[in-house]
Amino acid sequence: MSRNSKAKRDARKKKEPGRPIRRLGAALQPHAQLLDADDAAIGGVGWRDGEWLLVLGGQVAARSDSAAMALAMLRHVVAVQERAGRELRLEASPPLLNAAAREAAAVGLTLEEHLAALEQERMERDPVVPSAAPSLPH
């Protein structure tokens, strides 16, 4: 092996185009957005590979098979940020709202009642209210 082999290999690698990151699974289909006062999206919910993904700050924060649970998680983020003095607006797609309403109807509730029940369950599991809201990117 010559002394210059590593140098030549490194130079060749630099010239090669970078390989894009290949994600496994289908593309994320956006179905809800959390918008700040400037209408900048700071999070939302998307559908990919049979599950709802909660995305905050560009990262998947949670996943669920339930559309209603995805909506409940978004509403919780809105409430936490509201307590911290930051107004967020939630916009959801008709397919997400319809799927959540079907889940609610399956247990004999309206969508609002079902979302309230999910929030009640969350509060029972985690009764401590944090004094400071988690920070979201601006």
N, C-alpha and C. Protein backbone atom coordinates (compact mmCIF):
# COMPACT_ATOMS: atom_id res chain seq x y z
N MET A 1 0.84 -1.17 0.00
CA MET A 1 0.00 0.00 0.00
C MET A 1 0.89 1.23 0.00
N SER A 2 0.57 2.17 -0.85
CA SER A 2 1.42 3.35 -0.95
C SER A 2 1.08 4.34 0.16
N ARG A 3 1.98 5.25 0.35
CA ARG A 3 1.79 6.28 1.38
C ARG A 3 0.63 7.20 1.03
N ASN A 4 0.34 7.35 -0.23
CA ASN A 4 -0.67 8.31 -0.66
C ASN A 4 -2.06 7.69 -0.81
N SER A 5 -2.21 6.41 -0.53
CA SER A 5 -3.50 5.74 -0.72
C SER A 5 -4.61 6.42 0.07
N LYS A 6 -4.38 6.67 1.35
CA LYS A 6 -5.41 7.29 2.18
C LYS A 6 -5.72 8.70 1.69
N ALA A 7 -4.72 9.44 1.32
CA ALA A 7 -4.93 10.80 0.83
C ALA A 7 -5.75 10.79 -0.46
N LYS A 8 -5.43 9.85 -1.37
CA LYS A 8 -6.18 9.73 -2.62
C LYS A 8 -7.63 9.33 -2.35
N ARG A 9 -7.81 8.38 -1.44
CA ARG A 9 -9.18 7.92 -1.09
C ARG A 9 -9.98 9.06 -0.48
N ASP A 10 -9.38 9.81 0.43
CA ASP A 10 -10.08 10.94 1.05
C ASP A 10 -10.44 12.01 0.03
N ALA A 11 -9.53 12.28 -0.92
CA ALA A 11 -9.81 13.26 -1.96
C ALA A 11 -10.95 12.79 -2.85
N ARG A 12 -10.97 11.50 -3.18
CA ARG A 12 -12.04 10.96 -4.01
C ARG A 12 -13.39 11.05 -3.29
N LYS A 13 -13.40 10.76 -1.99
CA LYS A 13 -14.65 10.86 -1.21
C LYS A 13 -15.17 12.29 -1.18
N LYS A 14 -14.27 13.25 -1.10
CA LYS A 14 -14.70 14.65 -1.08
C LYS A 14 -15.36 15.05 -2.39
N LYS A 15 -14.88 14.49 -3.50
CA LYS A 15 -15.41 14.84 -4.82
C LYS A 15 -16.76 14.18 -5.08
N GLU A 16 -17.01 13.03 -4.45
CA GLU A 16 -18.28 12.33 -4.66
C GLU A 16 -19.42 13.12 -4.04
N PRO A 17 -20.56 13.13 -4.72
CA PRO A 17 -21.71 13.83 -4.12
C PRO A 17 -22.16 13.10 -2.86
N GLY A 18 -22.63 13.88 -1.90
CA GLY A 18 -23.11 13.28 -0.65
C GLY A 18 -24.36 12.45 -0.90
N ARG A 19 -24.48 11.38 -0.20
CA ARG A 19 -25.67 10.54 -0.33
C ARG A 19 -26.75 11.09 0.59
N PRO A 20 -27.96 11.26 0.06
CA PRO A 20 -29.04 11.78 0.92
C PRO A 20 -29.42 10.74 1.98
N ILE A 21 -29.95 11.24 3.07
CA ILE A 21 -30.42 10.34 4.12
C ILE A 21 -31.67 9.66 3.60
N ARG A 22 -31.67 8.36 3.66
CA ARG A 22 -32.83 7.61 3.17
C ARG A 22 -33.67 7.20 4.38
N ARG A 23 -34.89 7.63 4.38
CA ARG A 23 -35.80 7.31 5.47
C ARG A 23 -36.58 6.07 5.11
N LEU A 24 -36.78 5.24 6.09
CA LEU A 24 -37.58 4.04 5.88
C LEU A 24 -39.05 4.40 5.98
N GLY A 25 -39.87 3.75 5.19
CA GLY A 25 -41.30 3.98 5.27
C GLY A 25 -41.75 5.05 4.28
N ALA A 26 -43.03 5.30 4.30
CA ALA A 26 -43.65 6.26 3.39
C ALA A 26 -43.39 7.69 3.86
N ALA A 27 -43.72 8.63 3.01
CA ALA A 27 -43.58 10.05 3.36
C ALA A 27 -44.65 10.43 4.39
N LEU A 28 -44.32 11.39 5.22
CA LEU A 28 -45.26 11.88 6.23
C LEU A 28 -46.31 12.75 5.56
N GLN A 29 -47.57 12.43 5.79
CA GLN A 29 -48.69 13.21 5.25
C GLN A 29 -49.18 14.15 6.35
N PRO A 30 -48.99 15.46 6.21
CA PRO A 30 -49.41 16.39 7.27
C PRO A 30 -50.93 16.47 7.37
N HIS A 31 -51.44 16.48 8.63
CA HIS A 31 -52.88 16.56 8.86
C HIS A 31 -53.28 17.61 9.88
N ALA A 32 -52.32 18.17 10.60
CA ALA A 32 -52.63 19.23 11.57
C ALA A 32 -51.37 20.06 11.78
N GLN A 33 -51.59 21.32 12.09
CA GLN A 33 -50.47 22.22 12.35
C GLN A 33 -50.73 23.04 13.60
N LEU A 34 -49.65 23.31 14.32
CA LEU A 34 -49.68 24.28 15.41
C LEU A 34 -48.99 25.52 14.86
N LEU A 35 -49.72 26.63 14.82
CA LEU A 35 -49.19 27.87 14.26
C LEU A 35 -49.05 28.92 15.35
N ASP A 36 -47.95 29.65 15.31
CA ASP A 36 -47.77 30.73 16.29
C ASP A 36 -48.41 32.01 15.76
N ALA A 37 -48.19 33.11 16.46
CA ALA A 37 -48.81 34.38 16.11
C ALA A 37 -48.38 34.88 14.73
N ASP A 38 -47.20 34.46 14.26
CA ASP A 38 -46.70 34.86 12.95
C ASP A 38 -47.06 33.85 11.86
N ASP A 39 -47.96 32.92 12.19
CA ASP A 39 -48.37 31.85 11.29
C ASP A 39 -47.22 30.92 10.89
N ALA A 40 -46.22 30.83 11.73
CA ALA A 40 -45.13 29.88 11.51
C ALA A 40 -45.52 28.55 12.16
N ALA A 41 -45.34 27.48 11.42
CA ALA A 41 -45.66 26.14 11.96
C ALA A 41 -44.56 25.72 12.92
N ILE A 42 -44.95 25.38 14.14
CA ILE A 42 -43.97 24.93 15.13
C ILE A 42 -44.16 23.46 15.47
N GLY A 43 -45.21 22.86 14.95
CA GLY A 43 -45.47 21.45 15.21
C GLY A 43 -46.72 21.02 14.49
N GLY A 44 -47.06 19.76 14.69
CA GLY A 44 -48.27 19.26 14.06
C GLY A 44 -48.38 17.76 14.17
N VAL A 45 -49.30 17.22 13.40
CA VAL A 45 -49.53 15.78 13.36
C VAL A 45 -49.55 15.34 11.91
N GLY A 46 -48.90 14.23 11.65
CA GLY A 46 -48.90 13.64 10.32
C GLY A 46 -49.21 12.16 10.39
N TRP A 47 -49.56 11.60 9.24
CA TRP A 47 -49.89 10.18 9.12
C TRP A 47 -48.78 9.52 8.32
N ARG A 48 -48.20 8.45 8.88
CA ARG A 48 -47.19 7.69 8.15
C ARG A 48 -47.22 6.24 8.63
N ASP A 49 -47.26 5.36 7.67
CA ASP A 49 -47.16 3.92 7.94
C ASP A 49 -48.17 3.44 8.98
N GLY A 50 -49.40 3.93 8.89
CA GLY A 50 -50.46 3.44 9.76
C GLY A 50 -50.51 4.01 11.15
N GLU A 51 -49.80 5.10 11.39
CA GLU A 51 -49.88 5.73 12.71
C GLU A 51 -49.77 7.24 12.60
N TRP A 52 -50.30 7.90 13.62
CA TRP A 52 -50.27 9.36 13.71
C TRP A 52 -49.00 9.75 14.46
N LEU A 53 -48.25 10.69 13.91
CA LEU A 53 -47.01 11.14 14.53
C LEU A 53 -47.15 12.59 14.97
N LEU A 54 -46.86 12.86 16.23
CA LEU A 54 -46.82 14.23 16.75
C LEU A 54 -45.42 14.76 16.52
N VAL A 55 -45.32 15.85 15.78
CA VAL A 55 -44.03 16.45 15.46
C VAL A 55 -43.95 17.82 16.12
N LEU A 56 -42.90 18.02 16.90
CA LEU A 56 -42.66 19.32 17.56
C LEU A 56 -41.23 19.74 17.28
N GLY A 57 -41.05 20.92 16.78
CA GLY A 57 -39.71 21.41 16.50
C GLY A 57 -38.98 20.56 15.49
N GLY A 58 -39.69 19.96 14.55
CA GLY A 58 -39.06 19.16 13.52
C GLY A 58 -38.73 17.74 13.91
N GLN A 59 -39.06 17.36 15.14
CA GLN A 59 -38.75 16.01 15.63
C GLN A 59 -40.03 15.29 16.03
N VAL A 60 -40.07 13.99 15.77
CA VAL A 60 -41.22 13.20 16.21
C VAL A 60 -41.17 13.09 17.72
N ALA A 61 -42.21 13.61 18.39
CA ALA A 61 -42.26 13.62 19.85
C ALA A 61 -43.09 12.47 20.40
N ALA A 62 -44.07 12.01 19.63
CA ALA A 62 -44.93 10.91 20.09
C ALA A 62 -45.61 10.29 18.88
N ARG A 63 -46.12 9.09 19.07
CA ARG A 63 -46.86 8.40 18.01
C ARG A 63 -48.03 7.67 18.62
N SER A 64 -49.09 7.52 17.80
CA SER A 64 -50.29 6.85 18.29
C SER A 64 -51.07 6.26 17.13
N ASP A 65 -51.80 5.19 17.41
CA ASP A 65 -52.71 4.61 16.43
C ASP A 65 -54.02 5.38 16.39
N SER A 66 -54.25 6.24 17.37
CA SER A 66 -55.52 6.93 17.55
C SER A 66 -55.47 8.38 17.06
N ALA A 67 -56.38 8.71 16.14
CA ALA A 67 -56.49 10.10 15.67
C ALA A 67 -56.93 11.01 16.81
N ALA A 68 -57.84 10.53 17.65
CA ALA A 68 -58.31 11.33 18.78
C ALA A 68 -57.16 11.61 19.75
N MET A 69 -56.32 10.62 19.99
CA MET A 69 -55.17 10.82 20.88
C MET A 69 -54.21 11.85 20.27
N ALA A 70 -54.02 11.80 18.97
CA ALA A 70 -53.16 12.78 18.31
C ALA A 70 -53.70 14.19 18.50
N LEU A 71 -55.01 14.35 18.32
CA LEU A 71 -55.63 15.66 18.55
C LEU A 71 -55.50 16.08 20.01
N ALA A 72 -55.70 15.14 20.91
CA ALA A 72 -55.60 15.45 22.34
C ALA A 72 -54.18 15.92 22.69
N MET A 73 -53.17 15.28 22.09
CA MET A 73 -51.79 15.69 22.34
C MET A 73 -51.55 17.11 21.84
N LEU A 74 -52.07 17.42 20.66
CA LEU A 74 -51.92 18.79 20.13
C LEU A 74 -52.61 19.81 21.02
N ARG A 75 -53.82 19.48 21.44
CA ARG A 75 -54.55 20.40 22.32
C ARG A 75 -53.82 20.60 23.64
N HIS A 76 -53.17 19.56 24.14
CA HIS A 76 -52.40 19.68 25.37
C HIS A 76 -51.21 20.64 25.17
N VAL A 77 -50.52 20.51 24.04
CA VAL A 77 -49.40 21.42 23.74
C VAL A 77 -49.91 22.86 23.69
N VAL A 78 -51.06 23.08 23.05
CA VAL A 78 -51.64 24.42 22.98
C VAL A 78 -51.91 24.95 24.38
N ALA A 79 -52.51 24.11 25.24
CA ALA A 79 -52.84 24.53 26.61
C ALA A 79 -51.59 24.85 27.42
N VAL A 80 -50.56 24.03 27.31
CA VAL A 80 -49.31 24.26 28.05
C VAL A 80 -48.67 25.57 27.59
N GLN A 81 -48.64 25.78 26.29
CA GLN A 81 -48.04 27.01 25.78
C GLN A 81 -48.87 28.24 26.15
N GLU A 82 -50.19 28.08 26.20
CA GLU A 82 -51.07 29.17 26.61
C GLU A 82 -50.77 29.59 28.04
N ARG A 83 -50.57 28.61 28.92
CA ARG A 83 -50.24 28.92 30.32
C ARG A 83 -48.91 29.66 30.41
N ALA A 84 -48.03 29.42 29.45
CA ALA A 84 -46.73 30.10 29.44
C ALA A 84 -46.81 31.46 28.74
N GLY A 85 -48.02 31.84 28.28
CA GLY A 85 -48.20 33.14 27.66
C GLY A 85 -47.97 33.15 26.16
N ARG A 86 -47.90 32.00 25.55
CA ARG A 86 -47.66 31.93 24.10
C ARG A 86 -48.91 31.38 23.42
N GLU A 87 -49.48 32.17 22.53
CA GLU A 87 -50.69 31.77 21.82
C GLU A 87 -50.35 30.90 20.61
N LEU A 88 -50.99 29.75 20.51
CA LEU A 88 -50.86 28.88 19.35
C LEU A 88 -52.24 28.61 18.78
N ARG A 89 -52.28 28.41 17.49
CA ARG A 89 -53.54 28.08 16.82
C ARG A 89 -53.40 26.68 16.23
N LEU A 90 -54.42 25.88 16.41
CA LEU A 90 -54.44 24.51 15.91
C LEU A 90 -55.32 24.44 14.68
N GLU A 91 -54.77 23.95 13.59
CA GLU A 91 -55.54 23.71 12.37
C GLU A 91 -55.43 22.23 12.04
N ALA A 92 -56.58 21.56 11.87
CA ALA A 92 -56.59 20.12 11.61
C ALA A 92 -57.34 19.84 10.31
N SER A 93 -56.92 18.79 9.63
CA SER A 93 -57.53 18.42 8.36
C SER A 93 -58.84 17.67 8.59
N PRO A 94 -59.75 17.72 7.62
CA PRO A 94 -61.00 16.95 7.73
C PRO A 94 -60.76 15.44 7.93
N PRO A 95 -59.80 14.81 7.25
CA PRO A 95 -59.60 13.37 7.50
C PRO A 95 -59.21 13.06 8.95
N LEU A 96 -58.38 13.91 9.55
CA LEU A 96 -58.00 13.71 10.95
C LEU A 96 -59.21 13.90 11.86
N LEU A 97 -59.95 14.96 11.64
CA LEU A 97 -61.14 15.23 12.46
C LEU A 97 -62.19 14.13 12.30
N ASN A 98 -62.38 13.65 11.08
CA ASN A 98 -63.36 12.58 10.84
C ASN A 98 -62.93 11.27 11.51
N ALA A 99 -61.65 10.94 11.42
CA ALA A 99 -61.16 9.71 12.06
C ALA A 99 -61.34 9.81 13.58
N ALA A 100 -61.03 10.97 14.15
CA ALA A 100 -61.18 11.16 15.59
C ALA A 100 -62.65 11.10 15.99
N ALA A 101 -63.53 11.68 15.18
CA ALA A 101 -64.97 11.65 15.47
C ALA A 101 -65.51 10.22 15.41
N ARG A 102 -65.01 9.42 14.47
CA ARG A 102 -65.43 8.01 14.40
C ARG A 102 -64.99 7.25 15.64
N GLU A 103 -63.79 7.52 16.13
CA GLU A 103 -63.31 6.88 17.36
C GLU A 103 -64.20 7.27 18.54
N ALA A 104 -64.55 8.54 18.61
CA ALA A 104 -65.41 9.02 19.70
C ALA A 104 -66.78 8.36 19.62
N ALA A 105 -67.34 8.29 18.42
CA ALA A 105 -68.67 7.68 18.24
C ALA A 105 -68.64 6.20 18.61
N ALA A 106 -67.51 5.55 18.38
CA ALA A 106 -67.39 4.12 18.71
C ALA A 106 -67.51 3.87 20.22
N VAL A 107 -67.18 4.88 21.02
CA VAL A 107 -67.32 4.74 22.48
C VAL A 107 -68.53 5.52 22.99
N GLY A 108 -69.39 5.98 22.08
CA GLY A 108 -70.64 6.64 22.45
C GLY A 108 -70.50 8.08 22.91
N LEU A 109 -69.45 8.78 22.44
CA LEU A 109 -69.23 10.16 22.85
C LEU A 109 -69.11 11.07 21.62
N THR A 110 -69.31 12.37 21.85
CA THR A 110 -68.99 13.33 20.80
C THR A 110 -67.47 13.50 20.79
N LEU A 111 -66.96 14.13 19.76
CA LEU A 111 -65.52 14.34 19.69
C LEU A 111 -65.04 15.18 20.86
N GLU A 112 -65.74 16.26 21.19
CA GLU A 112 -65.34 17.11 22.32
C GLU A 112 -65.35 16.33 23.64
N GLU A 113 -66.39 15.52 23.84
CA GLU A 113 -66.46 14.72 25.07
C GLU A 113 -65.30 13.72 25.14
N HIS A 114 -65.00 13.10 24.00
CA HIS A 114 -63.91 12.12 23.96
C HIS A 114 -62.56 12.79 24.23
N LEU A 115 -62.34 13.96 23.63
CA LEU A 115 -61.09 14.68 23.87
C LEU A 115 -60.97 15.11 25.33
N ALA A 116 -62.09 15.52 25.93
CA ALA A 116 -62.09 15.89 27.35
C ALA A 116 -61.77 14.68 28.21
N ALA A 117 -62.32 13.50 27.84
CA ALA A 117 -62.04 12.27 28.59
C ALA A 117 -60.57 11.89 28.48
N LEU A 118 -59.99 12.05 27.30
CA LEU A 118 -58.56 11.75 27.13
C LEU A 118 -57.70 12.69 27.95
N GLU A 119 -58.08 13.97 28.01
CA GLU A 119 -57.34 14.93 28.83
C GLU A 119 -57.47 14.58 30.31
N GLN A 120 -58.65 14.15 30.72
CA GLN A 120 -58.85 13.74 32.11
C GLN A 120 -57.96 12.54 32.46
N GLU A 121 -57.89 11.57 31.54
CA GLU A 121 -57.01 10.42 31.76
C GLU A 121 -55.56 10.87 31.88
N ARG A 122 -55.14 11.81 31.03
CA ARG A 122 -53.76 12.31 31.09
C ARG A 122 -53.48 12.97 32.43
N MET A 123 -54.44 13.76 32.92
CA MET A 123 -54.25 14.45 34.20
C MET A 123 -54.19 13.45 35.35
N GLU A 124 -54.94 12.37 35.27
CA GLU A 124 -54.90 11.35 36.32
C GLU A 124 -53.57 10.61 36.32
N ARG A 125 -52.99 10.41 35.14
CA ARG A 125 -51.69 9.73 35.06
C ARG A 125 -50.57 10.65 35.50
N ASP A 126 -50.69 11.94 35.22
CA ASP A 126 -49.64 12.91 35.51
C ASP A 126 -50.25 14.13 36.19
N PRO A 127 -50.59 14.00 37.48
CA PRO A 127 -51.30 15.09 38.16
C PRO A 127 -50.47 16.34 38.41
N VAL A 128 -49.16 16.23 38.34
CA VAL A 128 -48.29 17.38 38.61
C VAL A 128 -48.27 18.29 37.39
N VAL A 129 -48.64 19.55 37.61
CA VAL A 129 -48.61 20.54 36.53
C VAL A 129 -47.27 21.23 36.60
N PRO A 130 -46.48 21.16 35.52
CA PRO A 130 -45.17 21.80 35.58
C PRO A 130 -45.28 23.31 35.73
N SER A 131 -44.35 23.88 36.50
CA SER A 131 -44.40 25.32 36.72
C SER A 131 -43.99 26.09 35.49
N ALA A 132 -43.14 25.50 34.67
CA ALA A 132 -42.72 26.16 33.44
C ALA A 132 -43.06 25.27 32.26
N ALA A 133 -43.60 25.85 31.24
CA ALA A 133 -43.97 25.10 30.05
C ALA A 133 -42.72 24.74 29.26
N PRO A 134 -42.73 23.58 28.60
CA PRO A 134 -41.58 23.25 27.78
C PRO A 134 -41.43 24.26 26.65
N SER A 135 -40.20 24.56 26.34
CA SER A 135 -39.93 25.57 25.32
C SER A 135 -40.01 24.95 23.94
N LEU A 136 -40.68 25.67 23.04
CA LEU A 136 -40.77 25.26 21.65
C LEU A 136 -39.95 26.23 20.83
N PRO A 137 -39.42 25.78 19.70
CA PRO A 137 -38.63 26.69 18.86
C PRO A 137 -39.46 27.85 18.35
N HIS A 138 -38.82 28.96 18.16
CA HIS A 138 -39.53 30.16 17.68
C HIS A 138 -39.56 30.18 16.22
